[in-house]
Protein backbone atom coordinates (compact mmCIF):
# COMPACT_ATOMS: atom_id res chain seq x y z
CA UNK A 1 0.00 0.00 0.00
CA UNK A 2 1.78 3.15 -1.22
CA UNK A 3 -0.01 5.47 1.18
CA UNK A 4 1.74 3.74 4.08
CA UNK A 5 4.84 2.76 2.16
CA UNK A 6 8.23 2.01 3.73
CA UNK A 7 10.07 0.67 0.66
CA UNK A 8 11.51 2.55 -2.33
CA UNK A 9 10.76 0.89 -5.65
CA UNK A 10 14.06 0.70 -7.52
CA UNK A 11 14.81 -2.47 -9.49
CA UNK A 12 18.44 -3.64 -9.76
CA UNK A 13 19.11 -5.94 -12.74
CA UNK A 14 22.44 -7.76 -13.32
CA UNK A 15 24.14 -6.99 -16.62
CA UNK A 16 27.73 -8.12 -16.14
CA UNK A 17 29.67 -10.42 -18.47
CA UNK A 18 33.20 -11.74 -17.85
CA UNK A 19 35.86 -9.15 -18.71
CA UNK A 20 39.38 -9.83 -20.03
CA UNK A 21 41.43 -6.80 -21.00
CA UNK A 22 44.97 -5.39 -20.82
CA UNK A 23 46.21 -1.94 -19.79
CA UNK A 24 49.67 -0.99 -21.04
CA UNK A 25 50.31 2.56 -19.80
CA UNK A 26 49.60 4.61 -16.71
CA UNK A 27 46.23 6.30 -17.16
CA UNK A 28 44.81 3.61 -19.48
CA UNK A 29 41.20 2.66 -18.68
CA UNK A 30 38.62 0.00 -19.39
CA UNK A 31 34.88 0.38 -18.67
CA UNK A 32 32.30 -2.41 -18.47
CA UNK A 33 28.65 -2.82 -17.49
CA UNK A 34 27.79 -3.97 -13.97
CA UNK A 35 23.98 -3.73 -14.14
CA UNK A 36 20.98 -1.49 -14.67
CA UNK A 37 18.70 0.47 -12.35
CA UNK A 38 14.98 1.06 -12.96
CA UNK A 39 13.33 3.80 -10.90
CA UNK A 40 9.71 2.68 -10.51
ModelCIF file with pLDDT and N, C-alpha, C, O atoms, coordinates in Angstrom:
data_MODEL
#
_entry.id   MODEL 
#
_entity.id                         1 
_entity.type                       polymer 
_entity.pdbx_number_of_molecules   1 
#
_entity_poly.entity_id                      1 
_entity_poly.type                           'polypeptide(L)' 
_entity_poly.nstd_linkage                   no 
_entity_poly.nstd_monomer                   no 
_entity_poly.pdbx_seq_one_letter_code       
;(UNK)(UNK)(UNK)(UNK)(UNK)(UNK)(UNK)(UNK)(UNK)(UNK)(UNK)(UNK)(UNK)(UNK)(UNK)(UNK)
(UNK)(UNK)(UNK)(UNK)(UNK)(UNK)(UNK)(UNK)(UNK)(UNK)(UNK)(UNK)(UNK)(UNK)(UNK)(UNK)
(UNK)(UNK)(UNK)(UNK)(UNK)(UNK)(UNK)(UNK)
;
_entity_poly.pdbx_seq_one_letter_code_can   XXXXXXXXXXXXXXXXXXXXXXXXXXXXXXXXXXXXXXXX 
_entity_poly.pdbx_strand_id                 A 
#
loop_
_entity_poly_seq.entity_id 
_entity_poly_seq.num 
_entity_poly_seq.mon_id 
_entity_poly_seq.hetero 
1 1  UNK n 
1 2  UNK n 
1 3  UNK n 
1 4  UNK n 
1 5  UNK n 
1 6  UNK n 
1 7  UNK n 
1 8  UNK n 
1 9  UNK n 
1 10 UNK n 
1 11 UNK n 
1 12 UNK n 
1 13 UNK n 
1 14 UNK n 
1 15 UNK n 
1 16 UNK n 
1 17 UNK n 
1 18 UNK n 
1 19 UNK n 
1 20 UNK n 
1 21 UNK n 
1 22 UNK n 
1 23 UNK n 
1 24 UNK n 
1 25 UNK n 
1 26 UNK n 
1 27 UNK n 
1 28 UNK n 
1 29 UNK n 
1 30 UNK n 
1 31 UNK n 
1 32 UNK n 
1 33 UNK n 
1 34 UNK n 
1 35 UNK n 
1 36 UNK n 
1 37 UNK n 
1 38 UNK n 
1 39 UNK n 
1 40 UNK n 
#
_struct_asym.id          A 
_struct_asym.entity_id   1 
#
loop_
_ma_qa_metric.id 
_ma_qa_metric.mode 
_ma_qa_metric.name 
_ma_qa_metric.software_group_id 
_ma_qa_metric.type 
1 global pLDDT . pLDDT 
2 local  pLDDT . pLDDT 
#
_ma_qa_metric_global.metric_id      1 
_ma_qa_metric_global.metric_value   94.30 
_ma_qa_metric_global.model_id       1 
_ma_qa_metric_global.ordinal_id     1 
#
loop_
_ma_qa_metric_local.label_asym_id 
_ma_qa_metric_local.label_comp_id 
_ma_qa_metric_local.label_seq_id 
_ma_qa_metric_local.metric_id 
_ma_qa_metric_local.metric_value 
_ma_qa_metric_local.model_id 
_ma_qa_metric_local.ordinal_id 
A UNK 1  2 84.00 1 1  
A UNK 2  2 76.00 1 2  
A UNK 3  2 78.00 1 3  
A UNK 4  2 83.00 1 4  
A UNK 5  2 86.00 1 5  
A UNK 6  2 92.00 1 6  
A UNK 7  2 94.00 1 7  
A UNK 8  2 93.00 1 8  
A UNK 9  2 92.00 1 9  
A UNK 10 2 94.00 1 10 
A UNK 11 2 95.00 1 11 
A UNK 12 2 97.00 1 12 
A UNK 13 2 96.00 1 13 
A UNK 14 2 96.00 1 14 
A UNK 15 2 97.00 1 15 
A UNK 16 2 98.00 1 16 
A UNK 17 2 98.00 1 17 
A UNK 18 2 98.00 1 18 
A UNK 19 2 98.00 1 19 
A UNK 20 2 98.00 1 20 
A UNK 21 2 98.00 1 21 
A UNK 22 2 97.00 1 22 
A UNK 23 2 98.00 1 23 
A UNK 24 2 96.00 1 24 
A UNK 25 2 96.00 1 25 
A UNK 26 2 96.00 1 26 
A UNK 27 2 97.00 1 27 
A UNK 28 2 98.00 1 28 
A UNK 29 2 98.00 1 29 
A UNK 30 2 98.00 1 30 
A UNK 31 2 98.00 1 31 
A UNK 32 2 98.00 1 32 
A UNK 33 2 98.00 1 33 
A UNK 34 2 98.00 1 34 
A UNK 35 2 97.00 1 35 
A UNK 36 2 97.00 1 36 
A UNK 37 2 96.00 1 37 
A UNK 38 2 94.00 1 38 
A UNK 39 2 92.00 1 39 
A UNK 40 2 89.00 1 40 
#
loop_
_atom_site.group_PDB 
_atom_site.id 
_atom_site.type_symbol 
_atom_site.label_atom_id 
_atom_site.label_alt_id 
_atom_site.label_comp_id 
_atom_site.label_asym_id 
_atom_site.label_entity_id 
_atom_site.label_seq_id 
_atom_site.pdbx_PDB_ins_code 
_atom_site.Cartn_x 
_atom_site.Cartn_y 
_atom_site.Cartn_z 
_atom_site.occupancy 
_atom_site.B_iso_or_equiv 
_atom_site.pdbx_formal_charge 
_atom_site.auth_seq_id 
_atom_site.auth_comp_id 
_atom_site.auth_asym_id 
_atom_site.auth_atom_id 
_atom_site.pdbx_PDB_model_num 
ATOM 1   N N  . UNK A 1 1  ? 0.860  -1.184  0.000   1.00 84.00 ? 1  UNK A N  1 
ATOM 2   C CA . UNK A 1 1  ? 0.000  0.000   0.000   1.00 84.00 ? 1  UNK A CA 1 
ATOM 3   C C  . UNK A 1 1  ? 0.903  1.243   0.000   1.00 84.00 ? 1  UNK A C  1 
ATOM 4   O O  . UNK A 1 1  ? 1.610  1.495   0.975   1.00 84.00 ? 1  UNK A O  1 
ATOM 5   N N  . UNK A 1 2  ? 0.878  2.011   -1.083  1.00 76.00 ? 2  UNK A N  1 
ATOM 6   C CA . UNK A 1 2  ? 1.778  3.145   -1.224  1.00 76.00 ? 2  UNK A CA 1 
ATOM 7   C C  . UNK A 1 2  ? 1.516  4.253   -0.211  1.00 76.00 ? 2  UNK A C  1 
ATOM 8   O O  . UNK A 1 2  ? 2.433  4.989   0.152   1.00 76.00 ? 2  UNK A O  1 
ATOM 9   N N  . UNK A 1 3  ? 0.286  4.376   0.241   1.00 78.00 ? 3  UNK A N  1 
ATOM 10  C CA . UNK A 1 3  ? -0.008 5.474   1.177   1.00 78.00 ? 3  UNK A CA 1 
ATOM 11  C C  . UNK A 1 3  ? 0.609  5.247   2.559   1.00 78.00 ? 3  UNK A C  1 
ATOM 12  O O  . UNK A 1 3  ? 0.698  6.176   3.363   1.00 78.00 ? 3  UNK A O  1 
ATOM 13  N N  . UNK A 1 4  ? 1.027  4.029   2.828   1.00 83.00 ? 4  UNK A N  1 
ATOM 14  C CA . UNK A 1 4  ? 1.742  3.737   4.079   1.00 83.00 ? 4  UNK A CA 1 
ATOM 15  C C  . UNK A 1 4  ? 3.082  3.060   3.763   1.00 83.00 ? 4  UNK A C  1 
ATOM 16  O O  . UNK A 1 4  ? 3.567  2.218   4.519   1.00 83.00 ? 4  UNK A O  1 
ATOM 17  N N  . UNK A 1 5  ? 3.648  3.444   2.649   1.00 86.00 ? 5  UNK A N  1 
ATOM 18  C CA . UNK A 1 5  ? 4.844  2.764   2.155   1.00 86.00 ? 5  UNK A CA 1 
ATOM 19  C C  . UNK A 1 5  ? 6.088  2.972   3.010   1.00 86.00 ? 5  UNK A C  1 
ATOM 20  O O  . UNK A 1 5  ? 6.281  4.028   3.613   1.00 86.00 ? 5  UNK A O  1 
ATOM 21  N N  . UNK A 1 6  ? 6.930  1.933   3.047   1.00 92.00 ? 6  UNK A N  1 
ATOM 22  C CA . UNK A 1 6  ? 8.232  2.007   3.726   1.00 92.00 ? 6  UNK A CA 1 
ATOM 23  C C  . UNK A 1 6  ? 9.374  1.580   2.819   1.00 92.00 ? 6  UNK A C  1 
ATOM 24  O O  . UNK A 1 6  ? 10.536 1.626   3.222   1.00 92.00 ? 6  UNK A O  1 
ATOM 25  N N  . UNK A 1 7  ? 9.054  1.159   1.586   1.00 94.00 ? 7  UNK A N  1 
ATOM 26  C CA . UNK A 1 7  ? 10.065 0.665   0.659   1.00 94.00 ? 7  UNK A CA 1 
ATOM 27  C C  . UNK A 1 7  ? 10.113 1.546   -0.588  1.00 94.00 ? 7  UNK A C  1 
ATOM 28  O O  . UNK A 1 7  ? 9.080  2.008   -1.073  1.00 94.00 ? 7  UNK A O  1 
ATOM 29  N N  . UNK A 1 8  ? 11.332 1.773   -1.103  1.00 93.00 ? 8  UNK A N  1 
ATOM 30  C CA . UNK A 1 8  ? 11.510 2.553   -2.326  1.00 93.00 ? 8  UNK A CA 1 
ATOM 31  C C  . UNK A 1 8  ? 11.629 1.595   -3.499  1.00 93.00 ? 8  UNK A C  1 
ATOM 32  O O  . UNK A 1 8  ? 12.438 0.667   -3.473  1.00 93.00 ? 8  UNK A O  1 
ATOM 33  N N  . UNK A 1 9  ? 10.828 1.821   -4.521  1.00 92.00 ? 9  UNK A N  1 
ATOM 34  C CA . UNK A 1 9  ? 10.755 0.885   -5.647  1.00 92.00 ? 9  UNK A CA 1 
ATOM 35  C C  . UNK A 1 9  ? 11.809 1.212   -6.704  1.00 92.00 ? 9  UNK A C  1 
ATOM 36  O O  . UNK A 1 9  ? 11.559 1.975   -7.637  1.00 92.00 ? 9  UNK A O  1 
ATOM 37  N N  . UNK A 1 10 ? 12.985 0.621   -6.541  1.00 94.00 ? 10 UNK A N  1 
ATOM 38  C CA . UNK A 1 10 ? 14.065 0.698   -7.523  1.00 94.00 ? 10 UNK A CA 1 
ATOM 39  C C  . UNK A 1 10 ? 14.493 -0.732  -7.824  1.00 94.00 ? 10 UNK A C  1 
ATOM 40  O O  . UNK A 1 10 ? 14.844 -1.484  -6.916  1.00 94.00 ? 10 UNK A O  1 
ATOM 41  N N  . UNK A 1 11 ? 14.463 -1.106  -9.102  1.00 95.00 ? 11 UNK A N  1 
ATOM 42  C CA . UNK A 1 11 ? 14.810 -2.465  -9.493  1.00 95.00 ? 11 UNK A CA 1 
ATOM 43  C C  . UNK A 1 11 ? 16.264 -2.521  -9.956  1.00 95.00 ? 11 UNK A C  1 
ATOM 44  O O  . UNK A 1 11 ? 16.675 -1.739  -10.813 1.00 95.00 ? 11 UNK A O  1 
ATOM 45  N N  . UNK A 1 12 ? 17.035 -3.436  -9.394  1.00 97.00 ? 12 UNK A N  1 
ATOM 46  C CA . UNK A 1 12 ? 18.437 -3.645  -9.758  1.00 97.00 ? 12 UNK A CA 1 
ATOM 47  C C  . UNK A 1 12 ? 18.538 -4.914  -10.595 1.00 97.00 ? 12 UNK A C  1 
ATOM 48  O O  . UNK A 1 12 ? 18.173 -5.993  -10.128 1.00 97.00 ? 12 UNK A O  1 
ATOM 49  N N  . UNK A 1 13 ? 19.030 -4.798  -11.823 1.00 96.00 ? 13 UNK A N  1 
ATOM 50  C CA . UNK A 1 13 ? 19.113 -5.940  -12.739 1.00 96.00 ? 13 UNK A CA 1 
ATOM 51  C C  . UNK A 1 13 ? 20.564 -6.213  -13.112 1.00 96.00 ? 13 UNK A C  1 
ATOM 52  O O  . UNK A 1 13 ? 21.256 -5.299  -13.561 1.00 96.00 ? 13 UNK A O  1 
ATOM 53  N N  . UNK A 1 14 ? 21.049 -7.446  -12.940 1.00 96.00 ? 14 UNK A N  1 
ATOM 54  C CA . UNK A 1 14 ? 22.435 -7.761  -13.323 1.00 96.00 ? 14 UNK A CA 1 
ATOM 55  C C  . UNK A 1 14 ? 22.645 -7.570  -14.822 1.00 96.00 ? 14 UNK A C  1 
ATOM 56  O O  . UNK A 1 14 ? 21.736 -7.806  -15.617 1.00 96.00 ? 14 UNK A O  1 
ATOM 57  N N  . UNK A 1 15 ? 23.832 -7.148  -15.197 1.00 97.00 ? 15 UNK A N  1 
ATOM 58  C CA . UNK A 1 15 ? 24.145 -6.987  -16.618 1.00 97.00 ? 15 UNK A CA 1 
ATOM 59  C C  . UNK A 1 15 ? 25.586 -7.298  -16.944 1.00 97.00 ? 15 UNK A C  1 
ATOM 60  O O  . UNK A 1 15 ? 26.056 -7.009  -18.044 1.00 97.00 ? 15 UNK A O  1 
ATOM 61  N N  . UNK A 1 16 ? 26.296 -7.889  -15.986 1.00 98.00 ? 16 UNK A N  1 
ATOM 62  C CA . UNK A 1 16 ? 27.734 -8.118  -16.143 1.00 98.00 ? 16 UNK A CA 1 
ATOM 63  C C  . UNK A 1 16 ? 28.023 -9.349  -16.987 1.00 98.00 ? 16 UNK A C  1 
ATOM 64  O O  . UNK A 1 16 ? 27.306 -10.348 -16.924 1.00 98.00 ? 16 UNK A O  1 
ATOM 65  N N  . UNK A 1 17 ? 29.098 -9.258  -17.787 1.00 98.00 ? 17 UNK A N  1 
ATOM 66  C CA . UNK A 1 17 ? 29.670 -10.421 -18.468 1.00 98.00 ? 17 UNK A CA 1 
ATOM 67  C C  . UNK A 1 17 ? 31.173 -10.423 -18.205 1.00 98.00 ? 17 UNK A C  1 
ATOM 68  O O  . UNK A 1 17 ? 31.772 -9.362  -18.029 1.00 98.00 ? 17 UNK A O  1 
ATOM 69  N N  . UNK A 1 18 ? 31.783 -11.602 -18.178 1.00 98.00 ? 18 UNK A N  1 
ATOM 70  C CA . UNK A 1 18 ? 33.203 -11.738 -17.847 1.00 98.00 ? 18 UNK A CA 1 
ATOM 71  C C  . UNK A 1 18 ? 34.072 -10.807 -18.695 1.00 98.00 ? 18 UNK A C  1 
ATOM 72  O O  . UNK A 1 18 ? 33.894 -10.709 -19.909 1.00 98.00 ? 18 UNK A O  1 
ATOM 73  N N  . UNK A 1 19 ? 35.008 -10.130 -18.041 1.00 98.00 ? 19 UNK A N  1 
ATOM 74  C CA . UNK A 1 19 ? 35.856 -9.154  -18.711 1.00 98.00 ? 19 UNK A CA 1 
ATOM 75  C C  . UNK A 1 19 ? 37.317 -9.608  -18.703 1.00 98.00 ? 19 UNK A C  1 
ATOM 76  O O  . UNK A 1 19 ? 37.854 -9.984  -17.661 1.00 98.00 ? 19 UNK A O  1 
ATOM 77  N N  . UNK A 1 20 ? 37.952 -9.568  -19.883 1.00 98.00 ? 20 UNK A N  1 
ATOM 78  C CA . UNK A 1 20 ? 39.377 -9.833  -20.027 1.00 98.00 ? 20 UNK A CA 1 
ATOM 79  C C  . UNK A 1 20 ? 39.972 -8.706  -20.863 1.00 98.00 ? 20 UNK A C  1 
ATOM 80  O O  . UNK A 1 20 ? 39.638 -8.563  -22.039 1.00 98.00 ? 20 UNK A O  1 
ATOM 81  N N  . UNK A 1 21 ? 40.842 -7.915  -20.270 1.00 98.00 ? 21 UNK A N  1 
ATOM 82  C CA . UNK A 1 21 ? 41.427 -6.795  -21.000 1.00 98.00 ? 21 UNK A CA 1 
ATOM 83  C C  . UNK A 1 21 ? 42.830 -6.524  -20.458 1.00 98.00 ? 21 UNK A C  1 
ATOM 84  O O  . UNK A 1 21 ? 43.198 -7.007  -19.387 1.00 98.00 ? 21 UNK A O  1 
ATOM 85  N N  . UNK A 1 22 ? 43.605 -5.746  -21.210 1.00 97.00 ? 22 UNK A N  1 
ATOM 86  C CA . UNK A 1 22 ? 44.966 -5.391  -20.818 1.00 97.00 ? 22 UNK A CA 1 
ATOM 87  C C  . UNK A 1 22 ? 45.124 -3.883  -20.834 1.00 97.00 ? 22 UNK A C  1 
ATOM 88  O O  . UNK A 1 22 ? 44.574 -3.204  -21.701 1.00 97.00 ? 22 UNK A O  1 
ATOM 89  N N  . UNK A 1 23 ? 45.878 -3.355  -19.871 1.00 98.00 ? 23 UNK A N  1 
ATOM 90  C CA . UNK A 1 23 ? 46.207 -1.941  -19.794 1.00 98.00 ? 23 UNK A CA 1 
ATOM 91  C C  . UNK A 1 23 ? 47.723 -1.815  -19.841 1.00 98.00 ? 23 UNK A C  1 
ATOM 92  O O  . UNK A 1 23 ? 48.426 -2.427  -19.036 1.00 98.00 ? 23 UNK A O  1 
ATOM 93  N N  . UNK A 1 24 ? 48.227 -1.026  -20.780 1.00 96.00 ? 24 UNK A N  1 
ATOM 94  C CA . UNK A 1 24 ? 49.672 -0.988  -21.039 1.00 96.00 ? 24 UNK A CA 1 
ATOM 95  C C  . UNK A 1 24 ? 50.375 0.217   -20.435 1.00 96.00 ? 24 UNK A C  1 
ATOM 96  O O  . UNK A 1 24 ? 51.565 0.141   -20.128 1.00 96.00 ? 24 UNK A O  1 
ATOM 97  N N  . UNK A 1 25 ? 49.668 1.323   -20.257 1.00 96.00 ? 25 UNK A N  1 
ATOM 98  C CA . UNK A 1 25 ? 50.307 2.555   -19.801 1.00 96.00 ? 25 UNK A CA 1 
ATOM 99  C C  . UNK A 1 25 ? 49.531 3.164   -18.638 1.00 96.00 ? 25 UNK A C  1 
ATOM 100 O O  . UNK A 1 25 ? 48.327 2.952   -18.492 1.00 96.00 ? 25 UNK A O  1 
ATOM 101 N N  . UNK A 1 26 ? 50.246 3.920   -17.822 1.00 96.00 ? 26 UNK A N  1 
ATOM 102 C CA . UNK A 1 26 ? 49.602 4.613   -16.712 1.00 96.00 ? 26 UNK A CA 1 
ATOM 103 C C  . UNK A 1 26 ? 48.531 5.561   -17.260 1.00 96.00 ? 26 UNK A C  1 
ATOM 104 O O  . UNK A 1 26 ? 48.793 6.337   -18.179 1.00 96.00 ? 26 UNK A O  1 
ATOM 105 N N  . UNK A 1 27 ? 47.344 5.492   -16.699 1.00 97.00 ? 27 UNK A N  1 
ATOM 106 C CA . UNK A 1 27 ? 46.226 6.299   -17.165 1.00 97.00 ? 27 UNK A CA 1 
ATOM 107 C C  . UNK A 1 27 ? 45.283 5.567   -18.102 1.00 97.00 ? 27 UNK A C  1 
ATOM 108 O O  . UNK A 1 27 ? 44.180 6.047   -18.362 1.00 97.00 ? 27 UNK A O  1 
ATOM 109 N N  . UNK A 1 28 ? 45.700 4.395   -18.624 1.00 98.00 ? 28 UNK A N  1 
ATOM 110 C CA . UNK A 1 28 ? 44.811 3.606   -19.483 1.00 98.00 ? 28 UNK A CA 1 
ATOM 111 C C  . UNK A 1 28 ? 43.602 3.132   -18.680 1.00 98.00 ? 28 UNK A C  1 
ATOM 112 O O  . UNK A 1 28 ? 43.706 2.867   -17.482 1.00 98.00 ? 28 UNK A O  1 
ATOM 113 N N  . UNK A 1 29 ? 42.443 3.026   -19.358 1.00 98.00 ? 29 UNK A N  1 
ATOM 114 C CA . UNK A 1 29 ? 41.202 2.661   -18.681 1.00 98.00 ? 29 UNK A CA 1 
ATOM 115 C C  . UNK A 1 29 ? 40.437 1.606   -19.478 1.00 98.00 ? 29 UNK A C  1 
ATOM 116 O O  . UNK A 1 29 ? 40.613 1.453   -20.687 1.00 98.00 ? 29 UNK A O  1 
ATOM 117 N N  . UNK A 1 30 ? 39.591 0.895   -18.761 1.00 98.00 ? 30 UNK A N  1 
ATOM 118 C CA . UNK A 1 30 ? 38.620 -0.003  -19.389 1.00 98.00 ? 30 UNK A CA 1 
ATOM 119 C C  . UNK A 1 30 ? 37.320 0.082   -18.600 1.00 98.00 ? 30 UNK A C  1 
ATOM 120 O O  . UNK A 1 30 ? 37.333 0.019   -17.371 1.00 98.00 ? 30 UNK A O  1 
ATOM 121 N N  . UNK A 1 31 ? 36.191 0.224   -19.305 1.00 98.00 ? 31 UNK A N  1 
ATOM 122 C CA . UNK A 1 31 ? 34.880 0.380   -18.671 1.00 98.00 ? 31 UNK A CA 1 
ATOM 123 C C  . UNK A 1 31 ? 33.970 -0.768  -19.095 1.00 98.00 ? 31 UNK A C  1 
ATOM 124 O O  . UNK A 1 31 ? 33.967 -1.161  -20.261 1.00 98.00 ? 31 UNK A O  1 
ATOM 125 N N  . UNK A 1 32 ? 33.201 -1.306  -18.156 1.00 98.00 ? 32 UNK A N  1 
ATOM 126 C CA . UNK A 1 32 ? 32.295 -2.409  -18.465 1.00 98.00 ? 32 UNK A CA 1 
ATOM 127 C C  . UNK A 1 32 ? 31.025 -2.267  -17.634 1.00 98.00 ? 32 UNK A C  1 
ATOM 128 O O  . UNK A 1 32 ? 31.012 -1.613  -16.592 1.00 98.00 ? 32 UNK A O  1 
ATOM 129 N N  . UNK A 1 33 ? 29.962 -2.897  -18.122 1.00 98.00 ? 33 UNK A N  1 
ATOM 130 C CA . UNK A 1 33 ? 28.645 -2.817  -17.491 1.00 98.00 ? 33 UNK A CA 1 
ATOM 131 C C  . UNK A 1 33 ? 28.572 -3.728  -16.265 1.00 98.00 ? 33 UNK A C  1 
ATOM 132 O O  . UNK A 1 33 ? 28.993 -4.884  -16.304 1.00 98.00 ? 33 UNK A O  1 
ATOM 133 N N  . UNK A 1 34 ? 28.028 -3.181  -15.177 1.00 98.00 ? 34 UNK A N  1 
ATOM 134 C CA . UNK A 1 34 ? 27.791 -3.969  -13.973 1.00 98.00 ? 34 UNK A CA 1 
ATOM 135 C C  . UNK A 1 34 ? 26.319 -4.379  -13.890 1.00 98.00 ? 34 UNK A C  1 
ATOM 136 O O  . UNK A 1 34 ? 26.009 -5.527  -13.572 1.00 98.00 ? 34 UNK A O  1 
ATOM 137 N N  . UNK A 1 35 ? 25.415 -3.440  -14.176 1.00 97.00 ? 35 UNK A N  1 
ATOM 138 C CA . UNK A 1 35 ? 23.984 -3.731  -14.140 1.00 97.00 ? 35 UNK A CA 1 
ATOM 139 C C  . UNK A 1 35 ? 23.173 -2.514  -14.515 1.00 97.00 ? 35 UNK A C  1 
ATOM 140 O O  . UNK A 1 35 ? 23.725 -1.497  -14.936 1.00 97.00 ? 35 UNK A O  1 
ATOM 141 N N  . UNK A 1 36 ? 21.863 -2.613  -14.364 1.00 97.00 ? 36 UNK A N  1 
ATOM 142 C CA . UNK A 1 36 ? 20.976 -1.492  -14.671 1.00 97.00 ? 36 UNK A CA 1 
ATOM 143 C C  . UNK A 1 36 ? 20.065 -1.210  -13.483 1.00 97.00 ? 36 UNK A C  1 
ATOM 144 O O  . UNK A 1 36 ? 19.765 -2.092  -12.678 1.00 97.00 ? 36 UNK A O  1 
ATOM 145 N N  . UNK A 1 37 ? 19.631 0.060   -13.398 1.00 96.00 ? 37 UNK A N  1 
ATOM 146 C CA . UNK A 1 37 ? 18.697 0.469   -12.350 1.00 96.00 ? 37 UNK A CA 1 
ATOM 147 C C  . UNK A 1 37 ? 17.433 1.008   -12.998 1.00 96.00 ? 37 UNK A C  1 
ATOM 148 O O  . UNK A 1 37 ? 17.499 1.814   -13.926 1.00 96.00 ? 37 UNK A O  1 
ATOM 149 N N  . UNK A 1 38 ? 16.277 0.559   -12.507 1.00 94.00 ? 38 UNK A N  1 
ATOM 150 C CA . UNK A 1 38 ? 14.984 1.063   -12.960 1.00 94.00 ? 38 UNK A CA 1 
ATOM 151 C C  . UNK A 1 38 ? 14.300 1.747   -11.773 1.00 94.00 ? 38 UNK A C  1 
ATOM 152 O O  . UNK A 1 38 ? 14.036 1.123   -10.745 1.00 94.00 ? 38 UNK A O  1 
ATOM 153 N N  . UNK A 1 39 ? 14.022 3.043   -11.938 1.00 92.00 ? 39 UNK A N  1 
ATOM 154 C CA . UNK A 1 39 ? 13.331 3.800   -10.899 1.00 92.00 ? 39 UNK A CA 1 
ATOM 155 C C  . UNK A 1 39 ? 11.830 3.684   -11.152 1.00 92.00 ? 39 UNK A C  1 
ATOM 156 O O  . UNK A 1 39 ? 11.329 4.196   -12.153 1.00 92.00 ? 39 UNK A O  1 
ATOM 157 N N  . UNK A 1 40 ? 11.108 3.012   -10.248 1.00 89.00 ? 40 UNK A N  1 
ATOM 158 C CA . UNK A 1 40 ? 9.710  2.683   -10.511 1.00 89.00 ? 40 UNK A CA 1 
ATOM 159 C C  . UNK A 1 40 ? 8.761  3.213   -9.437  1.00 89.00 ? 40 UNK A C  1 
ATOM 160 O O  . UNK A 1 40 ? 7.551  3.010   -9.528  1.00 89.00 ? 40 UNK A O  1 
#
